[in-house]
Amino acid sequence: MIEFTRRIVQALVDDPEKVVVTEVSGGQTTVLNISVGSGEAGKIIGKKGRTIQALRTILIAVGAKEKRHVIVEINDDFKHPRKMENETPAIRAPGGYHDRTKAHKMAF
């Protein structure tokens, strides 16, 4: 199952040498971890997740033949430029719509 998954993923990405598929088995469950190069996860996921869902459907069918539950995970080294590690959460300033509504109701 690892080789099958690796060949499909390599056909989808631009840099097939960076594709690594590992398998973790336990009981009746198998977890397939797919690691790809930086920024390549989107090519595996596809528009609205259709490509990864198709891959999961195939792997689930293969796993069902072996009576195993299959979980597929994607690991990507890509760090989004807008996401900073020390980013502080946004704080909503007072005086928004809900604050005015409460004040208006309390005044009458």
N, C-alpha and C. Protein backbone atom coordinates (compact mmCIF):
# COMPACT_ATOMS: atom_id res chain seq x y z
N MET A 1 0.82 -1.19 0.00
CA MET A 1 0.00 0.00 0.00
C MET A 1 0.87 1.26 0.00
N ILE A 2 2.04 1.19 0.64
CA ILE A 2 2.94 2.34 0.67
C ILE A 2 3.44 2.66 -0.74
N GLU A 3 3.87 1.66 -1.46
CA GLU A 3 4.40 1.88 -2.81
C GLU A 3 3.32 2.42 -3.74
N PHE A 4 2.12 1.90 -3.63
CA PHE A 4 0.99 2.35 -4.43
C PHE A 4 0.72 3.83 -4.18
N THR A 5 0.65 4.21 -2.91
CA THR A 5 0.40 5.60 -2.53
C THR A 5 1.53 6.51 -3.00
N ARG A 6 2.76 6.07 -2.80
CA ARG A 6 3.91 6.88 -3.20
C ARG A 6 3.91 7.16 -4.69
N ARG A 7 3.59 6.17 -5.50
CA ARG A 7 3.59 6.35 -6.96
C ARG A 7 2.51 7.33 -7.41
N ILE A 8 1.34 7.27 -6.80
CA ILE A 8 0.27 8.20 -7.14
C ILE A 8 0.65 9.62 -6.76
N VAL A 9 1.17 9.80 -5.54
CA VAL A 9 1.53 11.15 -5.06
C VAL A 9 2.68 11.72 -5.90
N GLN A 10 3.65 10.89 -6.27
CA GLN A 10 4.76 11.37 -7.09
C GLN A 10 4.28 11.86 -8.44
N ALA A 11 3.23 11.27 -8.97
CA ALA A 11 2.68 11.71 -10.25
C ALA A 11 1.97 13.05 -10.13
N LEU A 12 1.55 13.42 -8.93
CA LEU A 12 0.80 14.66 -8.74
C LEU A 12 1.68 15.88 -8.47
N VAL A 13 2.85 15.70 -7.86
CA VAL A 13 3.67 16.83 -7.44
C VAL A 13 4.75 17.17 -8.47
N ASP A 14 5.34 18.36 -8.31
CA ASP A 14 6.41 18.80 -9.20
C ASP A 14 7.76 18.19 -8.84
N ASP A 15 7.97 17.92 -7.56
CA ASP A 15 9.26 17.39 -7.10
C ASP A 15 9.05 16.00 -6.48
N PRO A 16 9.01 14.94 -7.33
CA PRO A 16 8.70 13.60 -6.81
C PRO A 16 9.76 13.02 -5.89
N GLU A 17 10.98 13.54 -5.93
CA GLU A 17 12.03 13.00 -5.06
C GLU A 17 11.78 13.29 -3.59
N LYS A 18 11.01 14.34 -3.29
CA LYS A 18 10.77 14.72 -1.90
C LYS A 18 9.56 14.02 -1.28
N VAL A 19 8.91 13.14 -2.03
CA VAL A 19 7.74 12.44 -1.53
C VAL A 19 8.20 11.27 -0.65
N VAL A 20 7.69 11.23 0.57
CA VAL A 20 7.98 10.14 1.50
C VAL A 20 6.64 9.68 2.09
N VAL A 21 6.38 8.39 1.98
CA VAL A 21 5.16 7.82 2.54
C VAL A 21 5.56 6.83 3.62
N THR A 22 5.04 7.04 4.82
CA THR A 22 5.32 6.12 5.92
C THR A 22 4.00 5.52 6.40
N GLU A 23 4.10 4.33 6.95
CA GLU A 23 2.92 3.62 7.40
C GLU A 23 3.07 3.28 8.88
N VAL A 24 2.03 3.58 9.64
CA VAL A 24 1.99 3.21 11.05
C VAL A 24 0.77 2.31 11.23
N SER A 25 1.01 1.07 11.61
CA SER A 25 -0.08 0.11 11.76
C SER A 25 -0.27 -0.24 13.23
N GLY A 26 -1.51 -0.42 13.58
CA GLY A 26 -1.83 -0.84 14.94
C GLY A 26 -3.22 -1.44 14.95
N GLY A 27 -3.34 -2.65 15.40
CA GLY A 27 -4.64 -3.30 15.41
C GLY A 27 -5.19 -3.46 14.01
N GLN A 28 -6.36 -2.90 13.77
CA GLN A 28 -6.96 -2.97 12.44
C GLN A 28 -6.89 -1.64 11.71
N THR A 29 -6.09 -0.72 12.20
CA THR A 29 -5.99 0.61 11.61
C THR A 29 -4.59 0.85 11.05
N THR A 30 -4.54 1.46 9.88
CA THR A 30 -3.30 1.84 9.26
C THR A 30 -3.34 3.34 8.98
N VAL A 31 -2.30 4.06 9.43
CA VAL A 31 -2.20 5.49 9.16
C VAL A 31 -1.08 5.68 8.15
N LEU A 32 -1.41 6.31 7.02
CA LEU A 32 -0.41 6.62 6.00
C LEU A 32 -0.07 8.10 6.09
N ASN A 33 1.18 8.41 6.39
CA ASN A 33 1.66 9.78 6.45
C ASN A 33 2.35 10.10 5.15
N ILE A 34 1.86 11.12 4.45
CA ILE A 34 2.45 11.54 3.18
C ILE A 34 3.18 12.85 3.43
N SER A 35 4.49 12.85 3.21
CA SER A 35 5.29 14.06 3.34
C SER A 35 5.73 14.50 1.96
N VAL A 36 5.55 15.78 1.68
CA VAL A 36 5.92 16.33 0.38
C VAL A 36 6.78 17.57 0.59
N GLY A 37 7.33 18.09 -0.49
CA GLY A 37 8.16 19.28 -0.41
C GLY A 37 7.34 20.51 -0.07
N SER A 38 8.05 21.60 0.12
CA SER A 38 7.44 22.86 0.52
C SER A 38 6.44 23.35 -0.53
N GLY A 39 5.21 23.59 -0.11
CA GLY A 39 4.19 24.14 -0.99
C GLY A 39 3.53 23.14 -1.92
N GLU A 40 3.80 21.87 -1.78
CA GLU A 40 3.28 20.86 -2.70
C GLU A 40 1.99 20.21 -2.19
N ALA A 41 1.60 20.45 -0.95
CA ALA A 41 0.42 19.80 -0.39
C ALA A 41 -0.84 20.18 -1.15
N GLY A 42 -0.91 21.39 -1.64
CA GLY A 42 -2.09 21.83 -2.39
C GLY A 42 -2.34 21.01 -3.64
N LYS A 43 -1.28 20.50 -4.23
CA LYS A 43 -1.42 19.68 -5.43
C LYS A 43 -2.01 18.32 -5.09
N ILE A 44 -1.75 17.84 -3.89
CA ILE A 44 -2.32 16.56 -3.47
C ILE A 44 -3.77 16.77 -3.01
N ILE A 45 -4.03 17.88 -2.37
CA ILE A 45 -5.38 18.14 -1.86
C ILE A 45 -6.35 18.43 -3.00
N GLY A 46 -5.92 19.25 -3.96
CA GLY A 46 -6.77 19.57 -5.10
C GLY A 46 -7.83 20.59 -4.77
N LYS A 47 -8.60 20.97 -5.78
CA LYS A 47 -9.66 21.95 -5.57
C LYS A 47 -10.75 21.35 -4.70
N LYS A 48 -11.08 22.07 -3.64
CA LYS A 48 -12.10 21.67 -2.68
C LYS A 48 -11.83 20.28 -2.09
N GLY A 49 -10.57 19.84 -2.11
CA GLY A 49 -10.21 18.57 -1.50
C GLY A 49 -10.59 17.34 -2.30
N ARG A 50 -10.90 17.53 -3.56
CA ARG A 50 -11.38 16.41 -4.37
C ARG A 50 -10.30 15.38 -4.66
N THR A 51 -9.08 15.81 -4.89
CA THR A 51 -8.01 14.87 -5.21
C THR A 51 -7.67 13.99 -4.01
N ILE A 52 -7.51 14.59 -2.84
CA ILE A 52 -7.18 13.79 -1.65
C ILE A 52 -8.35 12.90 -1.27
N GLN A 53 -9.57 13.36 -1.49
CA GLN A 53 -10.73 12.53 -1.19
C GLN A 53 -10.78 11.31 -2.12
N ALA A 54 -10.43 11.50 -3.39
CA ALA A 54 -10.38 10.37 -4.32
C ALA A 54 -9.29 9.38 -3.91
N LEU A 55 -8.13 9.90 -3.51
CA LEU A 55 -7.05 9.03 -3.04
C LEU A 55 -7.47 8.27 -1.79
N ARG A 56 -8.12 8.95 -0.87
CA ARG A 56 -8.60 8.28 0.35
C ARG A 56 -9.62 7.19 0.02
N THR A 57 -10.51 7.46 -0.93
CA THR A 57 -11.51 6.47 -1.32
C THR A 57 -10.86 5.22 -1.87
N ILE A 58 -9.85 5.39 -2.71
CA ILE A 58 -9.13 4.23 -3.27
C ILE A 58 -8.43 3.46 -2.16
N LEU A 59 -7.73 4.18 -1.27
CA LEU A 59 -6.99 3.51 -0.20
C LEU A 59 -7.92 2.83 0.80
N ILE A 60 -9.09 3.40 1.03
CA ILE A 60 -10.06 2.76 1.91
C ILE A 60 -10.57 1.47 1.28
N ALA A 61 -10.78 1.48 -0.04
CA ALA A 61 -11.22 0.27 -0.74
C ALA A 61 -10.14 -0.81 -0.68
N VAL A 62 -8.88 -0.41 -0.85
CA VAL A 62 -7.78 -1.37 -0.74
C VAL A 62 -7.69 -1.91 0.68
N GLY A 63 -7.84 -1.03 1.65
CA GLY A 63 -7.80 -1.45 3.05
C GLY A 63 -8.96 -2.37 3.42
N ALA A 64 -10.13 -2.12 2.84
CA ALA A 64 -11.29 -2.96 3.13
C ALA A 64 -11.05 -4.39 2.65
N LYS A 65 -10.34 -4.53 1.57
CA LYS A 65 -10.02 -5.87 1.06
C LYS A 65 -9.15 -6.62 2.07
N GLU A 66 -8.29 -5.89 2.77
CA GLU A 66 -7.42 -6.48 3.79
C GLU A 66 -8.03 -6.38 5.18
N LYS A 67 -9.29 -5.90 5.28
CA LYS A 67 -10.00 -5.70 6.55
C LYS A 67 -9.25 -4.77 7.49
N ARG A 68 -8.80 -3.62 6.93
CA ARG A 68 -8.08 -2.62 7.70
C ARG A 68 -8.74 -1.26 7.46
N HIS A 69 -8.75 -0.43 8.50
CA HIS A 69 -9.22 0.94 8.39
C HIS A 69 -8.02 1.81 8.03
N VAL A 70 -8.14 2.62 6.99
CA VAL A 70 -7.01 3.41 6.50
C VAL A 70 -7.28 4.89 6.74
N ILE A 71 -6.28 5.58 7.32
CA ILE A 71 -6.32 7.02 7.54
C ILE A 71 -5.15 7.63 6.78
N VAL A 72 -5.42 8.69 6.02
CA VAL A 72 -4.38 9.35 5.23
C VAL A 72 -4.14 10.74 5.80
N GLU A 73 -2.87 11.04 6.10
CA GLU A 73 -2.49 12.36 6.61
C GLU A 73 -1.44 12.95 5.69
N ILE A 74 -1.48 14.29 5.52
CA ILE A 74 -0.51 14.98 4.68
C ILE A 74 0.32 15.90 5.55
N ASN A 75 1.64 15.80 5.41
CA ASN A 75 2.57 16.69 6.10
C ASN A 75 3.26 17.55 5.05
N ASP A 76 3.28 18.85 5.31
CA ASP A 76 3.89 19.79 4.37
C ASP A 76 4.84 20.69 5.14
N ASP A 77 6.01 20.96 4.60
CA ASP A 77 7.00 21.81 5.26
C ASP A 77 6.71 23.29 5.06
N PHE A 78 5.69 23.63 4.33
CA PHE A 78 5.39 25.01 3.97
C PHE A 78 4.96 25.81 5.18
N LYS A 79 5.57 26.96 5.39
CA LYS A 79 5.17 27.90 6.43
C LYS A 79 4.48 29.07 5.75
N HIS A 80 3.25 29.34 6.12
CA HIS A 80 2.50 30.41 5.48
C HIS A 80 3.13 31.75 5.87
N PRO A 81 3.36 32.64 4.90
CA PRO A 81 4.04 33.91 5.21
C PRO A 81 3.24 34.81 6.15
N ARG A 82 1.92 34.69 6.16
CA ARG A 82 1.12 35.54 7.03
C ARG A 82 1.00 34.99 8.44
N LYS A 83 1.35 33.75 8.63
CA LYS A 83 1.25 33.14 9.96
C LYS A 83 2.60 33.23 10.64
N MET A 84 2.68 34.01 11.69
CA MET A 84 3.92 34.13 12.43
C MET A 84 3.82 33.27 13.68
N GLU A 85 4.94 32.74 14.11
CA GLU A 85 4.92 31.85 15.26
C GLU A 85 4.57 32.58 16.55
N ASN A 86 4.98 33.83 16.69
CA ASN A 86 4.70 34.59 17.91
C ASN A 86 3.54 35.55 17.70
N GLU A 87 2.63 35.18 16.85
CA GLU A 87 1.51 36.06 16.53
C GLU A 87 0.56 36.16 17.72
N THR A 88 0.15 37.37 18.06
CA THR A 88 -0.79 37.56 19.16
C THR A 88 -2.20 37.60 18.58
N PRO A 89 -3.17 37.08 19.30
CA PRO A 89 -4.54 37.10 18.78
C PRO A 89 -5.08 38.52 18.71
N ALA A 90 -5.96 38.74 17.76
CA ALA A 90 -6.57 40.06 17.60
C ALA A 90 -7.50 40.33 18.76
N ILE A 91 -7.50 41.56 19.22
CA ILE A 91 -8.36 41.95 20.33
C ILE A 91 -9.42 42.89 19.77
N ARG A 92 -10.68 42.55 20.02
CA ARG A 92 -11.77 43.36 19.51
C ARG A 92 -11.90 44.63 20.34
N ALA A 93 -11.92 45.74 19.66
CA ALA A 93 -12.04 47.02 20.35
C ALA A 93 -13.47 47.21 20.84
N PRO A 94 -13.65 47.82 22.00
CA PRO A 94 -15.00 48.09 22.48
C PRO A 94 -15.69 49.10 21.56
N GLY A 95 -17.00 49.08 21.61
CA GLY A 95 -17.75 50.04 20.80
C GLY A 95 -18.25 49.43 19.51
N GLY A 96 -18.22 48.11 19.41
CA GLY A 96 -18.74 47.44 18.23
C GLY A 96 -20.25 47.46 18.21
N TYR A 97 -20.84 46.81 17.25
CA TYR A 97 -22.29 46.80 17.08
C TYR A 97 -23.01 46.29 18.32
N HIS A 98 -22.53 45.19 18.87
CA HIS A 98 -23.21 44.59 20.01
C HIS A 98 -23.12 45.47 21.26
N ASP A 99 -22.03 46.18 21.43
CA ASP A 99 -21.91 47.07 22.58
C ASP A 99 -22.92 48.21 22.49
N ARG A 100 -23.14 48.75 21.30
CA ARG A 100 -24.11 49.83 21.13
C ARG A 100 -25.52 49.32 21.36
N THR A 101 -25.78 48.11 20.90
CA THR A 101 -27.12 47.54 21.07
C THR A 101 -27.44 47.35 22.54
N LYS A 102 -26.48 46.83 23.30
CA LYS A 102 -26.69 46.63 24.73
C LYS A 102 -26.92 47.98 25.43
N ALA A 103 -26.11 48.97 25.08
CA ALA A 103 -26.23 50.28 25.70
C ALA A 103 -27.57 50.91 25.37
N HIS A 104 -28.01 50.73 24.15
CA HIS A 104 -29.29 51.30 23.72
C HIS A 104 -30.44 50.65 24.48
N LYS A 105 -30.39 49.33 24.65
CA LYS A 105 -31.46 48.63 25.36
C LYS A 105 -31.46 49.00 26.84
N MET A 106 -30.28 49.21 27.39
CA MET A 106 -30.19 49.54 28.80
C MET A 106 -30.66 50.96 29.07
N ALA A 107 -30.54 51.84 28.11
CA ALA A 107 -30.93 53.23 28.29
C ALA A 107 -32.45 53.40 28.35
N PHE A 108 -33.18 52.47 27.75
CA PHE A 108 -34.65 52.61 27.71
C PHE A 108 -35.28 51.69 28.67
